[in-house]
Amino acid sequence: MKKFLLFLCLGVMTTSWIMAQSTPYEGTPASIPGIVFADKFDEGGNGIAYLDNDTRDGDQTYRATETVDMEASPAGGYNIGWTAVGEWVKYTVDIKTAGTYEVRALVASGNTAGPYKFVLSFASGAVVDTFMVSPTGGWQNWVVLKETVDLAEGIDTLTLFEVTDGFNFHSFEFLMEGGDAGLDSVKLGDRLVAGFIPWKTDYIVRCPGPVVPTATAFPIDPEAAVTVVDATEWVDTSAAEWGEPARITVVSADETVTREFIFYLVQMFSDATLKMIKVAGVELEGFAPNIFSYDVELPAGTTKVPTVAGTVNNVYAKMKKTNATELPGTTTIEVTAEDGTIETYSVNFTVAPSAIEQNDAEGFAIYPNPASGQVNIDLGIYAGKAVVLTVSTIQGQVIQQLDLTGLDKFVLSLDNLSDAVYFISLTSQEGKRIQKLFVK
């Protein structure tokens, strides 16, 4: 009976030990030489394939049954983030060839302190020296850190230990001498491709037109063979068929690794126009995208420069506003299109003269202006004469006409006028004078 119980206990222990081993993601170990992607960690759950000490942060859908903190990355796939002291992640790897490898880690940190640390350790005993991650200016601003390690051939388990928090990691590339098929950078025309990553192979790049640019590739290993096939037309990403991209093929010096980089080229927009300008929250009267200068007369006594706001026609365009510092003065909006085309809109502010100034300059005075309810008309040079007052819209429609013959002053009711700009004119044998009336 005792032997039987001992056998059962050993059997339970053996079964438990086997169940505690993590297994490769989707049943296939990552190959070395090659790339180990952070989000392709082993299966087996928390405490077996990884250790994550808190609830899941970031994307909740990818590998939804796991608690590792991950997020979609512009570098491709997903990266692991929200790192914490003492957490770790395992990867089953198949080391095809024994030898010395260069390890390239793609990492980022949006913190401002640092450095932040992690270690790569193999179950067979190999350890990569501690990686030190300095701030990179953003959680998706990726940089490559390099170390070396000697590895034996065979199936092994790679574990990343998070010595500190404060960094994201995306992937690790293991290279033997002569096996590098990566690119350091790529130029399209005279522009470097922003955010280029040596082992991300699929890109959508917006380029200035009208000519489709040619590609220039700069391999990491100068001994690698590079072949470039340029795109001949722009890609329309809204269409069902995108057309042919630019293709760059890199073959490592030892001819063991071939990598193809694809660049879909989209023409940048040249639209540097606005679809609207608002002055003090009100749409600018007479605005048109192809008219770039506007004159705005402010009511007498105005001392504060009104706020001016613009809305671009194209979402890729950017605005730079320079406010007038005094009145009269000019506020400008400089619009820069995606391809660098620039247009500048000007709003030129003047201030209407006071009632006294108006009386001298215009022949009669309107006050207050803007007005609501009623407005005073000082007939000025028309006082005591035969004169007709006309109220009309800025489109020329006559709203009201009144005979003011013999009067010096008159109070005009505004009850039948909506908020807008109107023309007030006085007509006599001496001629006709016109002024604007702002009803609010």
Protein backbone atom coordinates (compact mmCIF):
# COMPACT_ATOMS: atom_id res chain seq x y z
CA MET A 1 0.00 0.00 0.00
CA LYS A 2 2.82 2.42 0.91
CA LYS A 3 4.62 1.72 -2.39
CA PHE A 4 1.42 2.31 -4.30
CA LEU A 5 0.83 5.63 -2.53
CA LEU A 6 4.43 6.66 -3.15
CA PHE A 7 4.00 5.86 -6.84
CA LEU A 8 0.81 7.93 -6.97
CA CYS A 9 2.53 10.87 -5.29
CA LEU A 10 5.46 10.70 -7.68
CA GLY A 11 3.01 10.44 -10.54
CA VAL A 12 1.15 13.53 -9.38
CA MET A 13 4.41 15.44 -8.93
CA THR A 14 5.62 14.39 -12.38
CA THR A 15 2.33 15.39 -14.01
CA SER A 16 2.34 18.71 -12.16
CA TRP A 17 5.91 19.42 -13.26
CA ILE A 18 5.04 18.72 -16.91
CA MET A 19 1.94 20.92 -16.76
CA ALA A 20 4.01 23.77 -15.29
CA GLN A 21 6.09 24.10 -18.46
CA SER A 22 5.18 26.83 -20.92
CA THR A 23 4.68 25.91 -24.56
CA PRO A 24 5.60 27.82 -27.75
CA TYR A 25 3.12 30.36 -29.06
CA GLU A 26 0.80 28.52 -31.49
CA GLY A 27 3.01 25.44 -31.09
CA THR A 28 6.03 26.71 -33.03
CA PRO A 29 9.23 28.03 -31.39
CA ALA A 30 10.68 31.28 -32.67
CA SER A 31 13.72 30.66 -34.89
CA ILE A 32 17.19 31.93 -34.06
CA PRO A 33 18.76 33.44 -36.12
CA GLY A 34 15.65 35.53 -36.64
CA ILE A 35 13.25 37.82 -34.83
CA VAL A 36 11.51 37.08 -31.52
CA PHE A 37 8.43 39.30 -31.23
CA ALA A 38 7.45 40.45 -27.75
CA ASP A 39 3.73 39.69 -28.23
CA LYS A 40 4.42 36.07 -29.30
CA PHE A 41 5.32 34.95 -25.76
CA ASP A 42 4.73 31.35 -24.65
CA GLU A 43 1.37 29.88 -23.75
CA GLY A 44 0.65 28.60 -20.27
CA GLY A 45 -0.70 31.58 -18.38
CA ASN A 46 0.41 33.79 -15.53
CA GLY A 47 3.12 32.28 -13.33
CA ILE A 48 4.12 29.75 -16.03
CA ALA A 49 4.65 31.56 -19.35
CA TYR A 50 4.95 34.99 -17.75
CA LEU A 51 4.56 36.85 -14.48
CA ASP A 52 2.32 39.91 -14.48
CA ASN A 53 1.53 41.33 -11.06
CA ASP A 54 -1.52 43.48 -11.86
CA THR A 55 -4.65 43.58 -13.97
CA ARG A 56 -4.23 43.90 -17.71
CA ASP A 57 -3.47 47.34 -19.13
CA GLY A 58 -3.59 48.49 -22.74
CA ASP A 59 -5.34 46.52 -25.50
CA GLN A 60 -7.90 44.07 -24.12
CA THR A 61 -8.61 42.12 -27.31
CA TYR A 62 -5.32 40.67 -28.58
CA ARG A 63 -4.59 37.38 -26.75
CA ALA A 64 -7.56 38.26 -24.56
CA THR A 65 -7.13 35.35 -22.12
CA GLU A 66 -3.66 36.54 -21.09
CA THR A 67 -2.90 39.28 -18.54
CA VAL A 68 0.31 40.58 -20.13
CA ASP A 69 0.07 44.35 -20.75
CA MET A 70 0.13 45.03 -24.51
CA GLU A 71 -0.76 47.70 -27.07
CA ALA A 72 -0.87 47.97 -30.87
CA SER A 73 2.32 49.53 -32.21
CA PRO A 74 3.15 51.48 -35.38
CA ALA A 75 6.28 49.33 -35.46
CA GLY A 76 3.95 46.46 -36.38
CA GLY A 77 1.96 44.01 -34.26
CA TYR A 78 1.88 44.66 -30.52
CA ASN A 79 4.46 45.70 -27.97
CA ILE A 80 4.58 44.87 -24.26
CA GLY A 81 4.36 47.89 -21.95
CA TRP A 82 3.42 48.94 -18.42
CA THR A 83 6.52 47.08 -17.26
CA ALA A 84 7.05 46.51 -13.54
CA VAL A 85 9.93 45.41 -11.32
CA GLY A 86 10.09 41.62 -11.04
CA GLU A 87 7.80 40.76 -13.94
CA TRP A 88 9.04 38.39 -16.66
CA VAL A 89 8.02 36.83 -20.02
CA LYS A 90 9.13 33.53 -21.63
CA TYR A 91 9.73 32.58 -25.27
CA THR A 92 10.49 29.09 -26.57
CA VAL A 93 13.17 29.37 -29.26
CA ASP A 94 14.80 27.03 -31.75
CA ILE A 95 18.50 27.89 -32.12
CA LYS A 96 19.36 26.57 -35.56
CA THR A 97 23.09 27.20 -35.40
CA ALA A 98 25.48 27.46 -32.45
CA GLY A 99 27.67 30.54 -32.34
CA THR A 100 28.01 34.16 -31.33
CA TYR A 101 24.97 36.30 -32.00
CA GLU A 102 24.36 40.02 -32.01
CA VAL A 103 21.11 40.76 -30.19
CA ARG A 104 19.19 43.86 -31.30
CA ALA A 105 16.39 44.92 -28.97
CA LEU A 106 13.72 47.36 -30.15
CA VAL A 107 12.74 49.45 -27.10
CA ALA A 108 11.14 52.78 -26.18
CA SER A 109 10.53 54.91 -23.11
CA GLY A 110 8.27 57.92 -22.66
CA ASN A 111 9.66 58.66 -19.20
CA THR A 112 12.24 61.36 -18.51
CA ALA A 113 14.45 59.65 -15.94
CA GLY A 114 16.20 56.31 -16.46
CA PRO A 115 18.08 54.37 -17.46
CA TYR A 116 15.64 51.44 -17.22
CA LYS A 117 16.90 47.87 -17.19
CA PHE A 118 16.05 44.35 -18.35
CA VAL A 119 17.97 41.08 -18.80
CA LEU A 120 17.63 38.28 -21.37
CA SER A 121 18.39 34.85 -19.92
CA PHE A 122 18.36 31.39 -21.56
CA ALA A 123 17.41 28.21 -19.71
CA SER A 124 20.61 26.63 -21.03
CA GLY A 125 22.62 29.19 -19.04
CA ALA A 126 23.42 31.93 -21.58
CA VAL A 127 22.75 35.45 -20.36
CA VAL A 128 22.69 38.67 -22.35
CA ASP A 129 24.25 41.59 -20.46
CA THR A 130 21.79 43.99 -18.88
CA PHE A 131 20.09 46.24 -21.43
CA MET A 132 19.97 49.91 -20.36
CA VAL A 133 17.04 51.90 -21.81
CA SER A 134 17.35 55.69 -21.75
CA PRO A 135 14.35 57.96 -22.41
CA THR A 136 13.52 57.97 -26.13
CA GLY A 137 11.00 60.84 -26.19
CA GLY A 138 7.86 58.72 -26.42
CA TRP A 139 6.41 55.28 -25.77
CA GLN A 140 6.42 54.56 -29.52
CA ASN A 141 9.72 56.28 -30.35
CA TRP A 142 11.69 53.13 -30.94
CA VAL A 143 15.47 52.73 -30.73
CA VAL A 144 17.70 49.70 -31.20
CA LEU A 145 20.00 48.48 -28.40
CA LYS A 146 22.73 45.96 -29.20
CA GLU A 147 24.47 43.24 -27.16
CA THR A 148 26.13 39.88 -27.95
CA VAL A 149 25.58 36.34 -26.64
CA ASP A 150 27.01 32.83 -27.30
CA LEU A 151 24.28 30.26 -27.92
CA ALA A 152 24.28 26.47 -28.29
CA GLU A 153 22.19 24.71 -30.93
CA GLY A 154 18.78 23.32 -29.93
CA ILE A 155 15.43 24.15 -28.34
CA ASP A 156 15.79 26.62 -25.47
CA THR A 157 13.69 29.00 -23.37
CA LEU A 158 14.42 32.72 -23.46
CA THR A 159 13.17 34.78 -20.50
CA LEU A 160 13.03 38.57 -20.36
CA PHE A 161 13.36 39.80 -16.75
CA GLU A 162 12.14 43.33 -16.04
CA VAL A 163 14.73 44.66 -13.59
CA THR A 164 12.96 48.04 -13.47
CA ASP A 165 9.80 49.56 -14.87
CA GLY A 166 9.76 52.49 -17.33
CA PHE A 167 10.15 50.95 -20.81
CA ASN A 168 8.31 49.22 -23.68
CA PHE A 169 9.77 46.36 -25.70
CA HIS A 170 8.71 45.24 -29.15
CA SER A 171 11.07 42.58 -30.49
CA PHE A 172 14.55 41.06 -30.45
CA GLU A 173 16.58 40.14 -33.53
CA PHE A 174 19.35 37.54 -33.27
CA LEU A 175 21.99 37.80 -36.00
CA MET A 176 25.12 35.87 -36.85
CA GLU A 177 27.98 37.53 -38.70
CA GLY A 178 27.08 37.85 -42.38
CA GLY A 179 23.40 37.12 -41.76
CA ASP A 180 22.10 40.68 -41.62
CA ALA A 181 19.39 41.47 -44.20
CA GLY A 182 18.22 44.66 -42.50
CA LEU A 183 18.20 48.25 -43.67
CA ASP A 184 19.54 51.15 -41.65
CA SER A 185 17.38 53.69 -43.49
CA VAL A 186 15.53 54.37 -46.73
CA LYS A 187 15.17 57.54 -48.79
CA LEU A 188 12.23 58.28 -51.05
CA GLY A 189 13.37 61.08 -53.29
CA ASP A 190 15.44 63.32 -51.02
CA ARG A 191 13.51 62.44 -47.83
CA LEU A 192 14.37 59.81 -45.26
CA VAL A 193 11.43 57.58 -44.33
CA ALA A 194 10.43 58.74 -40.86
CA GLY A 195 10.03 56.06 -38.18
CA PHE A 196 11.87 53.43 -40.23
CA ILE A 197 12.61 50.24 -38.28
CA PRO A 198 15.21 47.74 -39.56
CA TRP A 199 12.89 44.73 -39.44
CA LYS A 200 9.49 46.26 -40.15
CA THR A 201 8.87 45.39 -43.79
CA ASP A 202 5.55 47.02 -44.76
CA TYR A 203 5.07 50.81 -44.94
CA ILE A 204 2.58 53.41 -46.19
CA VAL A 205 4.52 56.62 -46.86
CA ARG A 206 3.08 60.00 -47.83
CA CYS A 207 5.36 61.87 -50.25
CA PRO A 208 5.23 65.27 -51.97
CA GLY A 209 4.31 65.19 -55.65
CA PRO A 210 3.73 65.43 -58.43
CA VAL A 211 6.47 62.96 -59.46
CA VAL A 212 6.55 59.52 -57.83
CA PRO A 213 9.92 59.43 -55.99
CA THR A 214 12.59 56.81 -56.48
CA ALA A 215 13.90 54.78 -53.53
CA THR A 216 17.43 54.58 -52.15
CA ALA A 217 18.26 51.86 -49.60
CA PHE A 218 21.07 51.85 -47.04
CA PRO A 219 21.75 48.33 -45.71
CA ILE A 220 23.07 47.83 -42.18
CA ASP A 221 25.66 45.42 -43.54
CA PRO A 222 27.42 47.05 -46.54
CA GLU A 223 28.17 43.55 -47.87
CA ALA A 224 24.46 42.69 -48.21
CA ALA A 225 22.98 42.69 -51.71
CA VAL A 226 20.20 45.22 -52.35
CA THR A 227 17.70 45.28 -55.23
CA VAL A 228 15.29 48.20 -55.70
CA VAL A 229 12.14 48.17 -57.85
CA ASP A 230 10.61 51.64 -57.83
CA ALA A 231 6.88 52.40 -57.81
CA THR A 232 5.61 54.00 -61.01
CA GLU A 233 2.33 55.45 -59.71
CA TRP A 234 0.74 56.79 -56.56
CA VAL A 235 -1.34 54.51 -54.39
CA ASP A 236 -4.96 55.35 -53.56
CA THR A 237 -5.57 53.75 -50.15
CA SER A 238 -9.34 54.29 -50.51
CA ALA A 239 -9.48 52.09 -53.63
CA ALA A 240 -9.97 48.32 -53.65
CA GLU A 241 -6.66 47.79 -55.47
CA TRP A 242 -3.68 49.74 -54.19
CA GLY A 243 -1.45 49.18 -57.20
CA GLU A 244 2.24 48.31 -57.23
CA PRO A 245 4.40 49.61 -54.35
CA ALA A 246 8.14 50.23 -54.31
CA ARG A 247 9.98 47.04 -53.35
CA ILE A 248 13.43 46.71 -51.80
CA THR A 249 14.93 43.24 -51.47
CA VAL A 250 17.94 42.64 -49.22
CA VAL A 251 19.97 39.39 -49.26
CA SER A 252 22.44 38.91 -46.41
CA ALA A 253 26.13 38.58 -47.21
CA ASP A 254 26.08 34.86 -46.37
CA GLU A 255 22.92 34.45 -48.49
CA THR A 256 21.03 32.81 -45.62
CA VAL A 257 18.48 35.61 -45.05
CA THR A 258 16.34 37.43 -47.59
CA ARG A 259 14.03 40.25 -46.58
CA GLU A 260 11.67 42.29 -48.78
CA PHE A 261 10.62 45.81 -47.77
CA ILE A 262 7.43 47.21 -49.32
CA PHE A 263 6.56 50.92 -49.56
CA TYR A 264 3.12 52.05 -50.68
CA LEU A 265 3.52 55.68 -51.82
CA VAL A 266 0.65 58.11 -51.28
CA GLN A 267 0.84 61.63 -52.72
CA MET A 268 0.70 64.38 -50.11
CA PHE A 269 -2.05 66.99 -50.33
CA SER A 270 -1.14 70.48 -51.54
CA ASP A 271 -4.30 72.17 -50.23
CA ALA A 272 -3.30 75.12 -48.03
CA THR A 273 -6.70 76.83 -47.92
CA LEU A 274 -9.20 77.54 -45.18
CA LYS A 275 -12.90 76.71 -45.39
CA MET A 276 -13.92 79.24 -42.75
CA ILE A 277 -12.71 82.23 -40.75
CA LYS A 278 -14.52 83.43 -37.65
CA VAL A 279 -14.04 86.84 -36.05
CA ALA A 280 -15.18 87.02 -32.43
CA GLY A 281 -17.05 83.75 -32.99
CA VAL A 282 -18.96 84.99 -36.07
CA GLU A 283 -18.28 83.73 -39.60
CA LEU A 284 -16.44 86.33 -41.65
CA GLU A 285 -18.81 87.88 -44.16
CA GLY A 286 -17.82 87.38 -47.80
CA PHE A 287 -15.23 84.70 -47.01
CA ALA A 288 -14.01 82.50 -49.86
CA PRO A 289 -11.10 80.02 -49.72
CA ASN A 290 -9.32 81.71 -52.64
CA ILE A 291 -9.53 85.25 -51.19
CA PHE A 292 -6.66 85.88 -48.79
CA SER A 293 -7.19 89.44 -47.47
CA TYR A 294 -10.19 90.90 -45.61
CA ASP A 295 -10.96 94.32 -44.19
CA VAL A 296 -13.00 94.45 -41.00
CA GLU A 297 -14.15 97.76 -39.51
CA LEU A 298 -14.81 97.54 -35.78
CA PRO A 299 -17.30 99.76 -33.91
CA ALA A 300 -16.12 103.15 -32.67
CA GLY A 301 -14.35 102.91 -29.35
CA THR A 302 -13.15 99.33 -29.80
CA THR A 303 -9.77 98.81 -28.14
CA LYS A 304 -9.46 95.01 -27.87
CA VAL A 305 -8.32 92.96 -30.85
CA PRO A 306 -11.06 90.41 -31.70
CA THR A 307 -10.27 86.70 -31.67
CA VAL A 308 -9.78 85.16 -35.09
CA ALA A 309 -10.15 81.44 -35.77
CA GLY A 310 -9.75 79.42 -38.96
CA THR A 311 -10.73 75.93 -40.11
CA VAL A 312 -8.56 74.13 -42.66
CA ASN A 313 -10.02 72.49 -45.75
CA ASN A 314 -7.67 69.52 -45.48
CA VAL A 315 -7.00 67.63 -42.24
CA TYR A 316 -3.31 67.25 -43.08
CA ALA A 317 -2.79 71.04 -43.28
CA LYS A 318 -1.55 73.02 -40.29
CA MET A 319 -2.26 76.58 -39.18
CA LYS A 320 -0.11 79.21 -37.52
CA LYS A 321 -1.93 82.32 -36.31
CA THR A 322 -0.29 85.66 -35.51
CA ASN A 323 -2.63 88.02 -33.70
CA ALA A 324 -2.65 91.78 -34.20
CA THR A 325 -1.10 93.49 -31.18
CA GLU A 326 -3.04 96.74 -31.51
CA LEU A 327 -5.82 98.48 -33.41
CA PRO A 328 -5.72 99.19 -36.23
CA GLY A 329 -3.78 96.03 -36.97
CA THR A 330 -3.68 92.76 -38.90
CA THR A 331 -4.16 89.17 -37.74
CA THR A 332 -2.68 86.57 -40.08
CA ILE A 333 -3.30 82.85 -40.46
CA GLU A 334 -0.53 80.95 -42.23
CA VAL A 335 -1.69 77.60 -43.61
CA THR A 336 0.92 74.99 -44.50
CA ALA A 337 -0.28 72.09 -46.64
CA GLU A 338 0.97 68.56 -46.12
CA ASP A 339 3.46 68.93 -48.98
CA GLY A 340 4.76 72.28 -47.70
CA THR A 341 2.64 74.61 -49.85
CA ILE A 342 1.91 77.83 -47.88
CA GLU A 343 -0.94 80.33 -48.11
CA THR A 344 -1.47 83.29 -45.76
CA TYR A 345 -4.81 84.88 -44.88
CA SER A 346 -4.95 88.45 -43.49
CA VAL A 347 -7.74 90.06 -41.48
CA ASN A 348 -7.12 93.82 -41.42
CA PHE A 349 -8.85 95.56 -38.53
CA THR A 350 -9.75 99.25 -38.47
CA VAL A 351 -11.91 101.13 -35.97
CA ALA A 352 -14.88 103.24 -37.00
CA PRO A 353 -14.57 106.93 -36.07
CA SER A 354 -16.43 108.29 -33.05
CA ALA A 355 -19.73 110.16 -33.42
CA ILE A 356 -17.92 113.48 -33.52
CA GLU A 357 -15.38 112.21 -36.03
CA GLN A 358 -18.18 110.75 -38.08
CA ASN A 359 -20.04 114.03 -38.07
CA ASP A 360 -16.97 115.75 -39.49
CA ALA A 361 -15.97 113.05 -41.93
CA GLU A 362 -19.29 111.56 -42.97
CA GLY A 363 -21.61 114.54 -42.71
CA PHE A 364 -23.83 112.91 -40.08
CA ALA A 365 -23.41 110.71 -37.00
CA ILE A 366 -24.89 107.39 -35.80
CA TYR A 367 -24.59 106.45 -32.12
CA PRO A 368 -24.31 104.16 -30.36
CA ASN A 369 -22.98 101.82 -33.02
CA PRO A 370 -23.41 98.82 -32.62
CA ALA A 371 -26.90 99.44 -31.31
CA SER A 372 -29.98 97.55 -30.18
CA GLY A 373 -33.53 98.76 -29.65
CA GLN A 374 -32.91 102.22 -31.06
CA VAL A 375 -30.16 104.42 -32.47
CA ASN A 376 -29.56 108.19 -32.50
CA ILE A 377 -29.12 110.00 -35.83
CA ASP A 378 -27.37 113.42 -35.67
CA LEU A 379 -28.14 114.93 -39.08
CA GLY A 380 -24.99 117.14 -39.07
CA ILE A 381 -24.68 118.91 -42.42
CA TYR A 382 -28.24 117.87 -43.29
CA ALA A 383 -29.77 119.55 -40.20
CA GLY A 384 -32.87 121.64 -41.07
CA LYS A 385 -32.78 120.67 -44.73
CA ALA A 386 -34.97 118.55 -46.96
CA VAL A 387 -33.49 115.06 -46.46
CA VAL A 388 -34.62 111.42 -46.77
CA LEU A 389 -33.20 108.63 -44.53
CA THR A 390 -32.99 105.14 -46.06
CA VAL A 391 -32.25 101.86 -44.22
CA SER A 392 -31.09 99.03 -46.48
CA THR A 393 -29.37 95.66 -46.19
CA ILE A 394 -25.80 95.19 -47.37
CA GLN A 395 -27.31 93.35 -50.36
CA GLY A 396 -29.17 96.58 -51.31
CA GLN A 397 -32.71 95.70 -50.20
CA VAL A 398 -34.51 98.81 -48.88
CA ILE A 399 -36.02 98.16 -45.43
CA GLN A 400 -37.32 101.63 -44.54
CA GLN A 401 -37.43 105.22 -45.83
CA LEU A 402 -38.23 108.29 -43.70
CA ASP A 403 -38.59 112.03 -44.51
CA LEU A 404 -36.50 113.94 -41.92
CA THR A 405 -36.90 117.39 -43.50
CA GLY A 406 -36.31 120.20 -41.01
CA LEU A 407 -34.95 117.97 -38.23
CA ASP A 408 -31.58 118.24 -36.45
CA LYS A 409 -31.71 114.86 -34.71
CA PHE A 410 -33.79 111.70 -34.96
CA VAL A 411 -34.21 108.48 -32.92
CA LEU A 412 -34.57 105.46 -35.21
CA SER A 413 -36.37 102.39 -33.84
CA LEU A 414 -34.62 99.09 -34.58
CA ASP A 415 -37.42 96.80 -33.44
CA ASN A 416 -38.09 95.55 -36.96
CA LEU A 417 -34.41 94.82 -37.72
CA SER A 418 -32.68 91.51 -37.03
CA ASP A 419 -29.05 91.31 -35.87
CA ALA A 420 -26.98 92.17 -38.93
CA VAL A 421 -25.11 94.96 -40.69
CA TYR A 422 -27.17 97.63 -42.47
CA PHE A 423 -26.52 100.80 -44.51
CA ILE A 424 -27.96 104.12 -43.30
CA SER A 425 -28.04 106.77 -46.04
CA LEU A 426 -29.10 110.44 -46.02
CA THR A 427 -30.06 111.96 -49.38
CA SER A 428 -30.64 115.65 -50.15
CA GLN A 429 -29.87 118.19 -52.86
CA GLU A 430 -26.31 118.30 -51.47
CA GLY A 431 -25.87 114.65 -52.34
CA LYS A 432 -25.90 111.27 -50.58
CA ARG A 433 -23.84 110.03 -47.59
CA ILE A 434 -23.82 106.41 -46.35
CA GLN A 435 -22.70 104.77 -43.09
CA LYS A 436 -22.82 101.25 -41.67
CA LEU A 437 -25.08 100.39 -38.76
CA PHE A 438 -24.36 97.28 -36.68
CA VAL A 439 -27.53 95.93 -35.04
CA LYS A 440 -26.99 93.43 -32.24
